Protein backbone atom coordinates (compact mmCIF):
# COMPACT_ATOMS: atom_id res chain seq x y z
CA MET A 1 -9.66 19.17 29.25
CA ARG A 2 -13.41 20.31 29.78
CA LEU A 3 -16.33 17.90 29.76
CA LYS A 4 -19.13 19.19 27.58
CA SER A 5 -22.53 17.21 28.05
CA ILE A 6 -24.43 16.45 24.86
CA ALA A 7 -28.09 15.37 25.48
CA SER A 8 -29.51 16.26 22.03
CA ARG A 9 -28.94 14.33 18.63
CA ASP A 10 -29.48 17.73 17.22
CA ASN A 11 -26.04 18.93 18.50
CA PRO A 12 -23.41 20.00 15.77
CA GLY A 13 -20.63 17.90 17.15
CA TYR A 14 -23.08 14.98 17.56
CA LYS A 15 -24.24 15.47 14.07
CA GLN A 16 -20.79 15.57 12.68
CA LEU A 17 -19.89 12.03 14.26
CA GLN A 18 -22.93 10.44 13.20
CA ARG A 19 -21.55 11.82 9.55
CA LEU A 20 -18.27 10.13 9.95
CA ALA A 21 -19.58 7.24 11.35
CA SER A 22 -22.27 6.57 8.75
CA SER A 23 -20.33 7.65 5.58
CA SER A 24 -16.85 7.30 3.57
CA GLN A 25 -18.08 10.09 1.45
CA ALA A 26 -18.35 12.60 4.50
CA ARG A 27 -15.30 11.26 6.11
CA LYS A 28 -13.35 12.12 2.81
CA ARG A 29 -14.91 15.38 2.24
CA GLU A 30 -13.99 16.60 5.70
CA GLY A 31 -10.77 14.93 5.78
CA LEU A 32 -11.39 13.46 8.76
CA SER A 33 -11.23 9.88 9.92
CA LEU A 34 -12.59 8.09 12.75
CA LEU A 35 -10.84 5.93 15.79
CA ASP A 36 -13.26 3.95 17.71
CA GLY A 37 -12.43 1.92 20.59
CA VAL A 38 -9.65 2.74 23.64
CA HIS A 39 -6.73 0.83 21.87
CA LEU A 40 -7.03 3.24 18.87
CA VAL A 41 -7.48 6.00 20.49
CA SER A 42 -4.63 5.27 22.89
CA ALA A 43 -2.37 4.63 20.14
CA TYR A 44 -3.03 7.90 18.35
CA PHE A 45 -2.57 9.86 21.41
CA GLU A 46 0.98 7.90 21.74
CA GLN A 47 2.30 8.26 18.30
CA VAL A 48 0.80 11.37 17.22
CA GLY A 49 -0.71 13.48 19.70
CA ALA A 50 -4.18 14.82 21.11
CA PRO A 51 -7.01 14.11 18.41
CA GLU A 52 -9.15 16.88 16.96
CA VAL A 53 -12.27 15.52 18.18
CA LEU A 54 -12.58 13.39 21.35
CA ALA A 55 -15.84 11.90 22.73
CA VAL A 56 -16.85 9.27 25.58
CA SER A 57 -20.00 7.91 26.84
CA GLU A 58 -21.04 8.83 30.36
CA SER A 59 -20.76 5.17 31.41
CA GLY A 60 -17.10 5.27 29.70
CA THR A 61 -15.85 8.21 32.11
CA ALA A 62 -15.24 5.78 34.79
CA HIS A 63 -13.00 3.52 32.86
CA PRO A 64 -9.63 3.45 33.94
CA GLU A 65 -8.06 3.61 30.49
CA ILE A 66 -10.61 6.36 29.48
CA ALA A 67 -9.90 8.17 32.70
CA ALA A 68 -6.17 8.11 31.50
CA LEU A 69 -7.09 9.55 28.09
CA LEU A 70 -9.07 12.73 29.28
CA ALA A 71 -6.32 13.31 31.54
CA ARG A 72 -4.14 13.76 28.48
CA ALA A 73 -6.92 15.49 26.61
CA GLU A 74 -6.66 19.11 25.17
CA GLY A 75 -9.62 21.17 24.93
CA GLU A 76 -13.10 20.14 24.85
CA VAL A 77 -14.09 16.61 25.20
CA LEU A 78 -17.89 15.50 24.33
CA GLN A 79 -19.48 13.71 26.92
CA LEU A 80 -22.52 11.69 25.37
CA PRO A 81 -25.60 9.48 27.16
CA ASP A 82 -24.83 5.65 26.27
CA ASN A 83 -27.44 5.41 23.90
CA LEU A 84 -26.21 8.58 21.59
CA PHE A 85 -22.84 6.68 22.01
CA THR A 86 -23.86 3.83 20.87
CA ALA A 87 -25.51 5.02 17.75
CA VAL A 88 -22.00 6.16 16.66
CA SER A 89 -19.86 3.51 17.58
CA GLN A 90 -19.35 0.41 15.59
CA VAL A 91 -17.42 -1.58 18.37
CA GLU A 92 -19.44 -4.20 20.24
CA ASN A 93 -19.27 -4.24 23.73
CA GLY A 94 -16.50 -1.15 23.54
CA VAL A 95 -15.80 0.77 26.75
CA GLY A 96 -16.70 4.18 25.17
CA VAL A 97 -14.24 6.30 23.44
CA ILE A 98 -14.37 7.38 19.98
CA ALA A 99 -12.18 10.35 17.98
CA ALA A 100 -12.01 11.95 14.88
CA VAL A 101 -8.52 12.95 13.17
CA HIS A 102 -7.14 14.66 10.58
CA THR A 103 -6.49 12.06 7.66
CA PRO A 104 -2.76 12.19 6.43
CA ARG A 105 -2.59 13.23 2.80
CA PRO A 106 1.21 12.74 2.26
CA GLU A 107 3.05 13.88 -0.92
CA LEU A 108 5.19 10.85 -2.62
CA PRO A 109 8.82 11.99 -2.16
CA ALA A 110 11.42 12.14 -4.95
CA ARG A 111 13.37 9.31 -2.86
CA ILE A 112 12.06 6.55 -1.08
CA GLU A 113 14.86 5.01 1.11
CA GLY A 114 15.12 1.61 2.71
CA ASP A 115 12.12 -0.96 2.82
CA CYS A 116 8.64 -0.33 1.94
CA LEU A 117 5.53 -2.16 0.64
CA LEU A 118 3.50 -1.60 -2.65
CA VAL A 119 -0.16 -2.96 -2.56
CA GLU A 120 -1.94 -3.19 -6.05
CA HIS A 121 -5.88 -3.51 -6.20
CA LEU A 122 -6.20 -5.02 -3.09
CA GLN A 123 -9.85 -5.05 -1.76
CA ASP A 124 -10.57 -6.45 1.82
CA PRO A 125 -10.31 -4.21 4.43
CA GLY A 126 -9.48 -6.94 6.77
CA ASN A 127 -6.54 -7.80 4.56
CA LEU A 128 -4.98 -4.25 4.11
CA GLY A 129 -5.30 -3.70 7.94
CA SER A 130 -3.50 -6.86 9.07
CA LEU A 131 -0.59 -6.20 6.48
CA LEU A 132 -0.06 -2.50 7.65
CA ARG A 133 -0.06 -4.38 11.07
CA SER A 134 2.63 -6.73 9.79
CA ALA A 135 4.63 -4.19 7.94
CA ALA A 136 4.85 -1.62 11.09
CA ALA A 137 5.93 -4.64 13.21
CA ALA A 138 8.69 -5.39 10.62
CA GLY A 139 9.79 -1.79 10.76
CA ILE A 140 8.62 -0.63 7.14
CA ALA A 141 8.10 3.17 7.23
CA HIS A 142 6.40 3.74 3.49
CA VAL A 143 3.39 2.06 1.99
CA LEU A 144 2.35 2.90 -1.62
CA LEU A 145 -1.46 1.68 -2.35
CA SER A 146 -2.71 1.69 -5.90
CA MET A 147 -5.41 3.29 -7.22
CA ASN A 148 -8.20 0.99 -6.96
CA THR A 149 -6.92 -0.35 -3.26
CA VAL A 150 -9.40 -0.44 -0.18
CA TYR A 151 -9.29 2.87 1.35
CA ALA A 152 -6.47 2.98 4.03
CA TRP A 153 -8.27 5.16 6.78
CA SER A 154 -11.77 3.20 6.54
CA PRO A 155 -13.11 2.46 9.83
CA LYS A 156 -12.41 -1.34 9.19
CA VAL A 157 -8.73 -1.12 8.00
CA LEU A 158 -8.15 0.88 10.99
CA ARG A 159 -9.56 -1.42 13.42
CA SER A 160 -7.70 -4.31 11.85
CA GLY A 161 -4.62 -2.39 12.05
CA GLN A 162 -4.46 -1.68 15.15
CA GLY A 163 -2.48 1.60 15.46
CA ALA A 164 -0.11 0.58 12.60
CA HIS A 165 -1.36 3.49 10.42
CA PHE A 166 0.21 6.32 12.91
CA GLY A 167 3.76 4.83 13.03
CA MET A 168 4.19 4.93 8.89
CA THR A 169 3.62 7.13 5.97
CA ILE A 170 0.43 5.76 3.62
CA TYR A 171 0.28 7.04 0.07
CA GLU A 172 -2.92 6.15 -1.70
CA GLY A 173 -4.34 6.49 -4.95
CA VAL A 174 -0.39 5.85 -6.72
CA ASP A 175 0.45 4.93 -10.25
CA LEU A 176 2.79 2.17 -8.90
CA ALA A 177 4.58 1.67 -12.12
CA ALA A 178 5.24 5.54 -12.33
CA ALA A 179 6.57 5.44 -8.87
CA LEU A 180 9.13 2.89 -9.22
CA PRO A 181 12.10 5.25 -10.38
CA ARG A 182 11.84 6.75 -6.78
CA LEU A 183 12.34 3.50 -4.99
CA GLN A 184 15.70 3.09 -3.46
CA ALA A 185 15.20 -0.63 -2.73
CA ARG A 186 15.10 -4.04 -4.99
CA LEU A 187 11.59 -4.54 -6.15
CA VAL A 188 10.52 -8.32 -4.86
CA ALA A 189 7.03 -9.67 -5.88
CA THR A 190 5.00 -12.73 -4.90
CA SER A 191 4.04 -15.02 -6.97
CA SER A 192 2.75 -18.65 -6.88
CA HIS A 193 4.31 -19.30 -10.17
CA ALA A 194 7.86 -18.08 -9.30
CA ASP A 195 10.96 -20.32 -9.69
CA ALA A 196 12.57 -18.96 -7.24
CA THR A 197 11.65 -19.19 -3.35
CA LEU A 198 11.34 -16.86 -0.51
CA TYR A 199 13.93 -18.92 1.62
CA ASP A 200 16.46 -18.74 -1.15
CA ALA A 201 16.41 -15.21 -1.79
CA ASP A 202 19.07 -12.74 -0.67
CA LEU A 203 16.67 -10.42 1.51
CA ARG A 204 19.86 -8.67 3.57
CA GLY A 205 19.48 -5.23 1.51
CA PRO A 206 16.46 -3.04 1.12
CA VAL A 207 13.61 -4.49 -0.33
CA ALA A 208 10.37 -2.90 -1.86
CA TRP A 209 7.61 -5.92 -1.42
CA LEU A 210 5.19 -5.84 -4.33
CA LEU A 211 1.64 -7.68 -3.36
CA GLY A 212 -1.30 -7.79 -5.48
CA ASN A 213 -4.90 -8.47 -5.57
CA GLU A 214 -6.59 -11.48 -3.67
CA GLY A 215 -7.62 -13.53 -6.35
CA ALA A 216 -5.51 -12.28 -9.29
CA GLY A 217 -2.41 -11.50 -7.54
CA VAL A 218 0.46 -9.11 -9.23
CA SER A 219 -0.58 -7.71 -12.53
CA GLU A 220 1.65 -8.92 -15.47
CA ALA A 221 2.98 -5.47 -16.08
CA MET A 222 4.03 -5.05 -12.72
CA LEU A 223 5.45 -8.75 -12.34
CA ALA A 224 7.48 -7.83 -15.46
CA ALA A 225 8.82 -4.82 -13.82
CA ALA A 226 10.16 -6.57 -10.19
CA ALA A 227 13.83 -7.65 -9.95
CA LEU A 228 12.80 -10.72 -8.26
CA LYS A 229 9.57 -12.94 -8.26
CA VAL A 230 9.21 -15.39 -5.37
CA SER A 231 7.06 -18.11 -4.14
CA ILE A 232 6.58 -19.03 -0.77
CA PRO A 233 6.82 -22.94 -0.44
CA MET A 234 4.08 -24.87 1.26
CA ALA A 235 3.81 -28.20 2.61
CA GLY A 236 0.34 -28.64 2.47
CA ALA A 237 -2.90 -29.10 -0.08
CA ALA A 238 -3.48 -25.30 0.15
CA GLU A 239 -3.17 -23.58 -3.38
CA SER A 240 -2.16 -20.13 -1.90
CA LEU A 241 -1.59 -18.04 1.08
CA ASN A 242 -4.04 -15.51 2.42
CA VAL A 243 -2.34 -12.00 1.07
CA ALA A 244 -1.93 -10.59 4.62
CA ALA A 245 -0.34 -13.59 5.86
CA ALA A 246 1.81 -13.78 2.93
CA GLY A 247 2.93 -10.46 3.36
CA ALA A 248 4.08 -11.01 6.81
CA ILE A 249 6.14 -14.20 5.91
CA CYS A 250 8.02 -12.28 3.34
CA MET A 251 8.65 -9.31 5.74
CA PHE A 252 9.89 -11.05 8.65
CA GLU A 253 11.80 -13.45 6.66
CA ALA A 254 13.98 -10.46 5.41
CA MET A 255 14.17 -9.64 9.25
CA ARG A 256 15.42 -12.85 10.24
CA GLN A 257 18.06 -12.93 7.29
CA ARG A 258 19.32 -9.72 8.60
CA ARG A 259 19.55 -10.45 12.10
CA ALA A 260 20.98 -14.10 11.24
CA GLY A 261 23.54 -12.67 8.82
CA GLY A 262 21.35 -14.23 5.55
CA ARG A 263 22.38 -16.52 2.90
CA LYS A 264 23.46 -15.29 -0.16
CA VAL A 265 21.90 -17.35 -3.17
């Protein structure tokens, strides 16, 4: 590892970080995603390896967690004055580390085995990040995102996902209807109007969870394709649950049934 001190805003490496921090078009054009903060960068090191570009603030080099990352870094690391680092970081009160990594662009396989998650037209970055985090915790390996769903590798989704991205395969811009024959799992859709409840469903086998837009839910066409439609019973006065919360409840109910032996209905 070699520390390279950057003092000028005109440095090409610093200019690249500025582009990536300020422009989603630049991130997509260059095929890079920005990981901001110790937690995300550490998760990348643990699950993937050394990032393509690593930058630290001058004050951050003295932080124990950053020092541990630097000890594992390969090649050149950019060291920025605190004022330059603050201009490219979006983490308030962070400890001063940022990385640029290649954005995965996986091809959809012919067969998708086991549990998976299908997301249709989700718009809120925080919702998608939280949903990915729950899916990773539930052991789901494949996530299919429809066209018009928020970009999974945006900084806000990455921060909300807390490293979930690196332990699963995320397919973006998917025609979900066309992808259904590839699924080796029963398609289960969430709907507040479903007659069956989540807790009465047999979820011990592989499940392809289908979740929809925050306001409109799952489209009628995709609902019609589902083998099972379930609602989540609620005792309170709320009309519906946040989609990220609903997804977490569904995925962990399947885990609970499998651990307990389930109830076949």
